[in-house]
Amino acid sequence: MRRRDAAWLAVNPGDFLPATQDNGVTMVESVAIMEYLMGRYGPTSLQPSPGDPISPAYQQFLHWGEAGLAMLMMAPLVSGFVVPEAERDNWGACWARECVKRRLLFVRRQLGGAPCMAGDRFTAADIWVTYAMNLGANHAGFLLSEAE
């Protein structure tokens, strides 16, 4: 299906990306899609069980990658592409940029004590935080190596 097709909008009237349909289930939130697919087609090592000692860190960083990091990157990212040049350093973009810089310290601290976001094992949390980090590095100049 193509975006804005009648068939697409019948499934996804909000015109969200990403979106997926699986066995009559429609999902439009990235992390929810990931959790749904892992739960439906797992088990997988990407998703620790609730009793696993790394589960709390996994849950935190899986959701934090989107809600706590990628979402804040959107204001400076969009301001850099869409807003007229004279307005790119608007209050919202500047505030979000400072928040992202502080949050990059959280990533550095976590990775300073373990090779992965949830500890010693690669999980979906690493996928999601890496997505956010790549988004920020490639489109808004946020580099983990510059977080201080």
N, C-alpha and C. Protein backbone atom coordinates (compact mmCIF):
# COMPACT_ATOMS: atom_id res chain seq x y z
N MET A 1 0.83 -1.19 0.00
CA MET A 1 0.00 0.00 0.00
C MET A 1 0.87 1.24 0.00
N ARG A 2 0.44 2.24 -0.69
CA ARG A 2 1.15 3.52 -0.71
C ARG A 2 0.50 4.48 0.27
N ARG A 3 1.29 5.36 0.80
CA ARG A 3 0.74 6.39 1.69
C ARG A 3 -0.30 7.20 0.94
N ARG A 4 -1.33 7.55 1.62
CA ARG A 4 -2.44 8.38 1.17
C ARG A 4 -3.37 7.68 0.16
N ASP A 5 -3.10 6.43 -0.15
CA ASP A 5 -4.06 5.63 -0.92
C ASP A 5 -5.31 5.45 -0.09
N ALA A 6 -6.43 5.28 -0.75
CA ALA A 6 -7.67 5.01 -0.04
C ALA A 6 -7.54 3.74 0.79
N ALA A 7 -6.88 2.71 0.23
CA ALA A 7 -6.71 1.45 0.97
C ALA A 7 -5.84 1.67 2.20
N TRP A 8 -4.78 2.45 2.06
CA TRP A 8 -3.90 2.76 3.19
C TRP A 8 -4.67 3.51 4.27
N LEU A 9 -5.41 4.53 3.88
CA LEU A 9 -6.15 5.34 4.86
C LEU A 9 -7.29 4.55 5.50
N ALA A 10 -7.83 3.55 4.81
CA ALA A 10 -8.86 2.71 5.42
C ALA A 10 -8.27 1.90 6.58
N VAL A 11 -7.03 1.49 6.45
CA VAL A 11 -6.35 0.74 7.50
C VAL A 11 -5.77 1.69 8.54
N ASN A 12 -5.29 2.82 8.11
CA ASN A 12 -4.51 3.73 8.94
C ASN A 12 -4.98 5.16 8.71
N PRO A 13 -6.18 5.52 9.23
CA PRO A 13 -6.74 6.84 8.94
C PRO A 13 -5.89 8.01 9.44
N GLY A 14 -5.02 7.76 10.42
CA GLY A 14 -4.14 8.81 10.91
C GLY A 14 -2.93 9.03 10.03
N ASP A 15 -2.72 8.17 9.02
CA ASP A 15 -1.61 8.27 8.08
C ASP A 15 -0.26 8.25 8.79
N PHE A 16 -0.14 7.35 9.78
CA PHE A 16 1.10 7.22 10.54
C PHE A 16 2.12 6.37 9.79
N LEU A 17 3.38 6.66 10.02
CA LEU A 17 4.48 5.80 9.61
C LEU A 17 5.32 5.54 10.84
N PRO A 18 5.71 4.37 11.13
CA PRO A 18 5.36 3.15 10.42
C PRO A 18 3.98 2.66 10.84
N ALA A 19 3.49 1.73 10.07
CA ALA A 19 2.25 1.04 10.38
C ALA A 19 2.37 -0.38 9.85
N THR A 20 1.70 -1.30 10.50
CA THR A 20 1.70 -2.68 10.03
C THR A 20 0.37 -3.32 10.33
N GLN A 21 0.06 -4.31 9.54
CA GLN A 21 -1.11 -5.15 9.80
C GLN A 21 -0.63 -6.58 9.87
N ASP A 22 -1.14 -7.31 10.85
CA ASP A 22 -0.76 -8.70 11.02
C ASP A 22 -1.96 -9.44 11.62
N ASN A 23 -2.48 -10.39 10.89
CA ASN A 23 -3.60 -11.19 11.38
C ASN A 23 -4.75 -10.34 11.91
N GLY A 24 -5.10 -9.30 11.18
CA GLY A 24 -6.21 -8.44 11.57
C GLY A 24 -5.89 -7.39 12.62
N VAL A 25 -4.65 -7.34 13.06
CA VAL A 25 -4.21 -6.36 14.05
C VAL A 25 -3.47 -5.25 13.32
N THR A 26 -3.86 -4.01 13.56
CA THR A 26 -3.17 -2.87 12.98
C THR A 26 -2.41 -2.16 14.10
N MET A 27 -1.14 -1.90 13.86
CA MET A 27 -0.29 -1.21 14.84
C MET A 27 0.36 -0.01 14.14
N VAL A 28 0.44 1.12 14.86
CA VAL A 28 1.01 2.33 14.24
C VAL A 28 2.07 3.00 15.11
N GLU A 29 2.49 2.42 16.18
CA GLU A 29 3.51 3.01 17.04
C GLU A 29 4.74 2.12 16.96
N SER A 30 5.88 2.68 16.67
CA SER A 30 7.09 1.92 16.41
C SER A 30 7.44 0.91 17.49
N VAL A 31 7.54 1.35 18.72
CA VAL A 31 7.92 0.45 19.80
C VAL A 31 6.81 -0.57 20.04
N ALA A 32 5.57 -0.15 19.94
CA ALA A 32 4.45 -1.09 20.10
C ALA A 32 4.51 -2.16 19.02
N ILE A 33 4.82 -1.77 17.79
CA ILE A 33 4.96 -2.75 16.70
C ILE A 33 6.04 -3.75 17.05
N MET A 34 7.19 -3.26 17.51
CA MET A 34 8.30 -4.14 17.85
C MET A 34 7.89 -5.11 18.96
N GLU A 35 7.26 -4.59 20.02
CA GLU A 35 6.85 -5.45 21.12
C GLU A 35 5.81 -6.47 20.67
N TYR A 36 4.86 -6.02 19.86
CA TYR A 36 3.83 -6.93 19.35
C TYR A 36 4.46 -8.07 18.55
N LEU A 37 5.35 -7.74 17.62
CA LEU A 37 5.96 -8.76 16.78
C LEU A 37 6.81 -9.73 17.59
N MET A 38 7.55 -9.22 18.57
CA MET A 38 8.36 -10.10 19.41
C MET A 38 7.47 -11.02 20.24
N GLY A 39 6.38 -10.47 20.78
CA GLY A 39 5.47 -11.28 21.57
C GLY A 39 4.73 -12.31 20.73
N ARG A 40 4.32 -11.93 19.56
CA ARG A 40 3.55 -12.83 18.69
C ARG A 40 4.41 -13.92 18.09
N TYR A 41 5.63 -13.57 17.66
CA TYR A 41 6.46 -14.53 16.94
C TYR A 41 7.67 -15.01 17.73
N GLY A 42 7.80 -14.55 18.99
CA GLY A 42 8.90 -14.98 19.84
C GLY A 42 8.62 -16.33 20.46
N PRO A 43 9.40 -16.73 21.43
CA PRO A 43 10.33 -15.87 22.14
C PRO A 43 11.58 -15.56 21.32
N THR A 44 12.20 -14.46 21.70
CA THR A 44 13.42 -14.02 21.04
C THR A 44 14.37 -13.46 22.08
N SER A 45 15.64 -13.60 21.83
CA SER A 45 16.64 -13.06 22.75
C SER A 45 16.61 -11.53 22.76
N LEU A 46 15.94 -10.94 21.79
CA LEU A 46 15.83 -9.48 21.77
C LEU A 46 14.90 -8.95 22.86
N GLN A 47 14.09 -9.83 23.45
CA GLN A 47 13.11 -9.43 24.46
C GLN A 47 13.27 -10.31 25.70
N PRO A 48 13.97 -9.82 26.72
CA PRO A 48 14.13 -10.61 27.94
C PRO A 48 12.79 -10.89 28.60
N SER A 49 12.70 -12.01 29.29
CA SER A 49 11.48 -12.33 30.02
C SER A 49 11.36 -11.39 31.23
N PRO A 50 10.14 -11.20 31.75
CA PRO A 50 9.97 -10.28 32.89
C PRO A 50 10.82 -10.63 34.11
N GLY A 51 11.12 -11.91 34.31
CA GLY A 51 11.94 -12.30 35.46
C GLY A 51 13.44 -12.18 35.24
N ASP A 52 13.85 -11.88 34.04
CA ASP A 52 15.27 -11.75 33.71
C ASP A 52 15.83 -10.52 34.44
N PRO A 53 17.01 -10.63 35.06
CA PRO A 53 17.58 -9.47 35.76
C PRO A 53 17.77 -8.23 34.89
N ILE A 54 17.92 -8.40 33.57
CA ILE A 54 18.11 -7.21 32.72
C ILE A 54 16.77 -6.61 32.27
N SER A 55 15.67 -7.24 32.63
CA SER A 55 14.36 -6.78 32.15
C SER A 55 14.04 -5.32 32.50
N PRO A 56 14.30 -4.85 33.72
CA PRO A 56 14.00 -3.44 34.01
C PRO A 56 14.78 -2.46 33.12
N ALA A 57 16.07 -2.70 32.95
CA ALA A 57 16.86 -1.81 32.08
C ALA A 57 16.39 -1.92 30.64
N TYR A 58 16.08 -3.13 30.22
CA TYR A 58 15.55 -3.35 28.86
C TYR A 58 14.28 -2.53 28.64
N GLN A 59 13.32 -2.65 29.54
CA GLN A 59 12.05 -1.91 29.40
C GLN A 59 12.30 -0.41 29.38
N GLN A 60 13.14 0.05 30.30
CA GLN A 60 13.43 1.48 30.36
C GLN A 60 14.00 2.00 29.05
N PHE A 61 15.04 1.36 28.55
CA PHE A 61 15.71 1.88 27.37
C PHE A 61 14.94 1.61 26.08
N LEU A 62 14.14 0.54 26.04
CA LEU A 62 13.30 0.30 24.86
C LEU A 62 12.35 1.47 24.65
N HIS A 63 11.67 1.89 25.69
CA HIS A 63 10.71 2.98 25.57
C HIS A 63 11.38 4.34 25.59
N TRP A 64 12.46 4.45 26.34
CA TRP A 64 13.16 5.72 26.44
C TRP A 64 13.79 6.13 25.11
N GLY A 65 14.26 5.16 24.33
CA GLY A 65 14.86 5.48 23.04
C GLY A 65 13.92 6.29 22.16
N GLU A 66 12.65 5.97 22.19
CA GLU A 66 11.66 6.72 21.40
C GLU A 66 11.14 7.93 22.15
N ALA A 67 10.55 7.68 23.32
CA ALA A 67 9.86 8.74 24.05
C ALA A 67 10.83 9.73 24.70
N GLY A 68 11.97 9.26 25.16
CA GLY A 68 12.87 10.13 25.90
C GLY A 68 14.00 10.71 25.09
N LEU A 69 14.25 10.15 23.92
CA LEU A 69 15.39 10.62 23.13
C LEU A 69 14.96 11.05 21.72
N ALA A 70 14.46 10.12 20.93
CA ALA A 70 14.10 10.45 19.53
C ALA A 70 13.06 11.55 19.46
N MET A 71 12.08 11.52 20.34
CA MET A 71 11.02 12.53 20.28
C MET A 71 11.58 13.93 20.52
N LEU A 72 12.51 14.06 21.46
CA LEU A 72 13.12 15.37 21.71
C LEU A 72 13.96 15.86 20.54
N MET A 73 14.48 14.93 19.77
CA MET A 73 15.31 15.32 18.62
C MET A 73 14.49 15.93 17.50
N MET A 74 13.19 15.72 17.51
CA MET A 74 12.36 16.15 16.40
C MET A 74 12.31 17.68 16.25
N ALA A 75 12.25 18.43 17.34
CA ALA A 75 12.16 19.89 17.22
C ALA A 75 13.40 20.48 16.53
N PRO A 76 14.62 20.17 16.98
CA PRO A 76 15.77 20.71 16.25
C PRO A 76 15.92 20.12 14.85
N LEU A 77 15.56 18.86 14.68
CA LEU A 77 15.66 18.22 13.38
C LEU A 77 14.73 18.90 12.37
N VAL A 78 13.46 19.04 12.74
CA VAL A 78 12.49 19.67 11.84
C VAL A 78 12.82 21.14 11.64
N SER A 79 13.25 21.81 12.70
CA SER A 79 13.61 23.23 12.55
C SER A 79 14.75 23.40 11.56
N GLY A 80 15.65 22.45 11.52
CA GLY A 80 16.77 22.53 10.59
C GLY A 80 16.39 22.35 9.14
N PHE A 81 15.27 21.68 8.89
CA PHE A 81 14.85 21.39 7.51
C PHE A 81 13.68 22.24 7.03
N VAL A 82 12.77 22.56 7.90
CA VAL A 82 11.49 23.13 7.48
C VAL A 82 11.37 24.62 7.80
N VAL A 83 11.90 25.02 8.93
CA VAL A 83 11.73 26.39 9.40
C VAL A 83 12.64 27.33 8.61
N PRO A 84 12.17 28.53 8.30
CA PRO A 84 13.05 29.50 7.63
C PRO A 84 14.33 29.70 8.44
N GLU A 85 15.43 29.89 7.75
CA GLU A 85 16.74 29.95 8.40
C GLU A 85 16.79 30.92 9.57
N ALA A 86 16.16 32.07 9.44
CA ALA A 86 16.19 33.07 10.51
C ALA A 86 15.47 32.59 11.78
N GLU A 87 14.63 31.58 11.67
CA GLU A 87 13.85 31.09 12.81
C GLU A 87 14.31 29.73 13.32
N ARG A 88 15.40 29.21 12.81
CA ARG A 88 15.83 27.85 13.18
C ARG A 88 16.30 27.73 14.61
N ASP A 89 16.81 28.79 15.18
CA ASP A 89 17.22 28.74 16.58
C ASP A 89 16.09 29.21 17.48
N ASN A 90 14.89 28.71 17.20
CA ASN A 90 13.72 29.09 18.00
C ASN A 90 13.82 28.48 19.40
N TRP A 91 13.01 29.00 20.30
CA TRP A 91 13.07 28.59 21.69
C TRP A 91 12.89 27.08 21.83
N GLY A 92 11.91 26.49 21.17
CA GLY A 92 11.63 25.07 21.29
C GLY A 92 12.78 24.21 20.80
N ALA A 93 13.36 24.57 19.67
CA ALA A 93 14.48 23.81 19.14
C ALA A 93 15.69 23.91 20.06
N CYS A 94 15.96 25.09 20.59
CA CYS A 94 17.11 25.27 21.49
C CYS A 94 16.91 24.50 22.79
N TRP A 95 15.70 24.55 23.35
CA TRP A 95 15.40 23.82 24.58
C TRP A 95 15.56 22.32 24.35
N ALA A 96 15.01 21.81 23.26
CA ALA A 96 15.10 20.38 22.96
C ALA A 96 16.55 19.96 22.74
N ARG A 97 17.33 20.81 22.06
CA ARG A 97 18.74 20.49 21.83
C ARG A 97 19.48 20.32 23.15
N GLU A 98 19.25 21.20 24.10
CA GLU A 98 19.90 21.10 25.41
C GLU A 98 19.44 19.85 26.15
N CYS A 99 18.16 19.52 26.05
CA CYS A 99 17.65 18.29 26.68
C CYS A 99 18.31 17.06 26.08
N VAL A 100 18.44 17.03 24.77
CA VAL A 100 19.06 15.88 24.10
C VAL A 100 20.50 15.74 24.55
N LYS A 101 21.22 16.85 24.63
CA LYS A 101 22.62 16.77 25.07
C LYS A 101 22.74 16.15 26.46
N ARG A 102 21.83 16.51 27.37
CA ARG A 102 21.85 15.92 28.71
C ARG A 102 21.49 14.44 28.65
N ARG A 103 20.57 14.09 27.79
CA ARG A 103 20.14 12.69 27.69
C ARG A 103 21.21 11.81 27.05
N LEU A 104 22.03 12.41 26.21
CA LEU A 104 23.15 11.64 25.65
C LEU A 104 24.12 11.22 26.76
N LEU A 105 24.19 12.03 27.80
CA LEU A 105 25.03 11.66 28.94
C LEU A 105 24.51 10.38 29.61
N PHE A 106 23.20 10.23 29.65
CA PHE A 106 22.57 9.03 30.20
C PHE A 106 22.98 7.80 29.39
N VAL A 107 23.00 7.93 28.07
CA VAL A 107 23.42 6.83 27.20
C VAL A 107 24.90 6.51 27.46
N ARG A 108 25.71 7.54 27.51
CA ARG A 108 27.15 7.32 27.75
C ARG A 108 27.39 6.64 29.09
N ARG A 109 26.67 7.08 30.12
CA ARG A 109 26.83 6.46 31.43
C ARG A 109 26.42 4.99 31.38
N GLN A 110 25.31 4.70 30.74
CA GLN A 110 24.85 3.31 30.66
C GLN A 110 25.85 2.44 29.92
N LEU A 111 26.35 2.94 28.80
CA LEU A 111 27.30 2.16 28.00
C LEU A 111 28.70 2.13 28.62
N GLY A 112 28.95 3.04 29.56
CA GLY A 112 30.23 3.01 30.26
C GLY A 112 30.35 1.83 31.20
N GLY A 113 29.21 1.27 31.62
CA GLY A 113 29.23 0.15 32.55
C GLY A 113 28.89 -1.18 31.93
N ALA A 114 28.49 -1.18 30.67
CA ALA A 114 28.09 -2.43 30.00
C ALA A 114 28.14 -2.20 28.50
N PRO A 115 28.29 -3.28 27.73
CA PRO A 115 28.38 -3.11 26.27
C PRO A 115 27.05 -2.83 25.58
N CYS A 116 25.94 -3.08 26.27
CA CYS A 116 24.61 -2.91 25.67
C CYS A 116 23.72 -2.09 26.61
N MET A 117 22.63 -1.60 26.09
CA MET A 117 21.77 -0.73 26.87
C MET A 117 21.18 -1.42 28.10
N ALA A 118 20.88 -2.71 28.00
CA ALA A 118 20.30 -3.42 29.14
C ALA A 118 21.32 -4.26 29.89
N GLY A 119 22.57 -4.14 29.55
CA GLY A 119 23.59 -4.92 30.24
C GLY A 119 24.53 -5.60 29.27
N ASP A 120 24.72 -6.90 29.45
CA ASP A 120 25.68 -7.64 28.65
C ASP A 120 25.10 -8.26 27.38
N ARG A 121 23.80 -8.16 27.18
CA ARG A 121 23.17 -8.80 26.02
C ARG A 121 22.50 -7.78 25.12
N PHE A 122 22.64 -8.00 23.82
CA PHE A 122 21.99 -7.17 22.81
C PHE A 122 20.49 -7.47 22.82
N THR A 123 19.67 -6.41 22.90
CA THR A 123 18.22 -6.55 22.93
C THR A 123 17.57 -5.52 22.00
N ALA A 124 16.27 -5.56 21.93
CA ALA A 124 15.52 -4.57 21.15
C ALA A 124 15.75 -3.15 21.67
N ALA A 125 16.11 -3.01 22.93
CA ALA A 125 16.42 -1.68 23.47
C ALA A 125 17.63 -1.08 22.74
N ASP A 126 18.59 -1.91 22.40
CA ASP A 126 19.76 -1.43 21.65
C ASP A 126 19.35 -0.99 20.25
N ILE A 127 18.44 -1.74 19.65
CA ILE A 127 17.96 -1.36 18.31
C ILE A 127 17.30 0.01 18.37
N TRP A 128 16.48 0.21 19.38
CA TRP A 128 15.73 1.46 19.42
C TRP A 128 16.60 2.65 19.79
N VAL A 129 17.49 2.49 20.76
CA VAL A 129 18.38 3.61 21.11
C VAL A 129 19.33 3.90 19.95
N THR A 130 19.79 2.87 19.26
CA THR A 130 20.66 3.08 18.09
C THR A 130 19.91 3.82 16.99
N TYR A 131 18.64 3.48 16.78
CA TYR A 131 17.84 4.22 15.81
C TYR A 131 17.81 5.71 16.17
N ALA A 132 17.52 6.00 17.43
CA ALA A 132 17.46 7.40 17.87
C ALA A 132 18.80 8.09 17.69
N MET A 133 19.88 7.39 18.08
CA MET A 133 21.21 7.98 17.95
C MET A 133 21.57 8.25 16.49
N ASN A 134 21.23 7.34 15.60
CA ASN A 134 21.50 7.56 14.18
C ASN A 134 20.66 8.69 13.62
N LEU A 135 19.40 8.76 14.01
CA LEU A 135 18.54 9.86 13.58
C LEU A 135 19.17 11.20 13.99
N GLY A 136 19.56 11.28 15.24
CA GLY A 136 20.15 12.53 15.74
C GLY A 136 21.48 12.86 15.10
N ALA A 137 22.32 11.87 14.90
CA ALA A 137 23.64 12.11 14.31
C ALA A 137 23.52 12.49 12.84
N ASN A 138 22.68 11.79 12.12
CA ASN A 138 22.58 12.01 10.67
C ASN A 138 21.78 13.23 10.27
N HIS A 139 20.87 13.68 11.12
CA HIS A 139 19.97 14.75 10.69
C HIS A 139 19.94 15.98 11.60
N ALA A 140 20.57 15.90 12.77
CA ALA A 140 20.52 17.05 13.66
C ALA A 140 21.86 17.32 14.35
N GLY A 141 22.90 16.59 14.00
CA GLY A 141 24.22 16.87 14.54
C GLY A 141 24.45 16.41 15.97
N PHE A 142 23.63 15.51 16.49
CA PHE A 142 23.83 15.00 17.85
C PHE A 142 24.78 13.81 17.81
N LEU A 143 25.91 13.96 18.46
CA LEU A 143 26.92 12.90 18.47
C LEU A 143 27.19 12.44 19.88
N LEU A 144 27.11 11.16 20.09
CA LEU A 144 27.38 10.61 21.42
C LEU A 144 28.79 10.94 21.86
N SER A 145 29.72 10.97 20.94
CA SER A 145 31.11 11.26 21.27
C SER A 145 31.30 12.68 21.79
N GLU A 146 30.35 13.56 21.55
CA GLU A 146 30.46 14.95 22.01
C GLU A 146 29.68 15.22 23.28
N ALA A 147 28.98 14.21 23.81
CA ALA A 147 28.23 14.39 25.05
C ALA A 147 29.20 14.51 26.22
N GLU A 148 29.05 15.58 26.98
CA GLU A 148 29.92 15.80 28.15
C GLU A 148 29.09 16.18 29.35
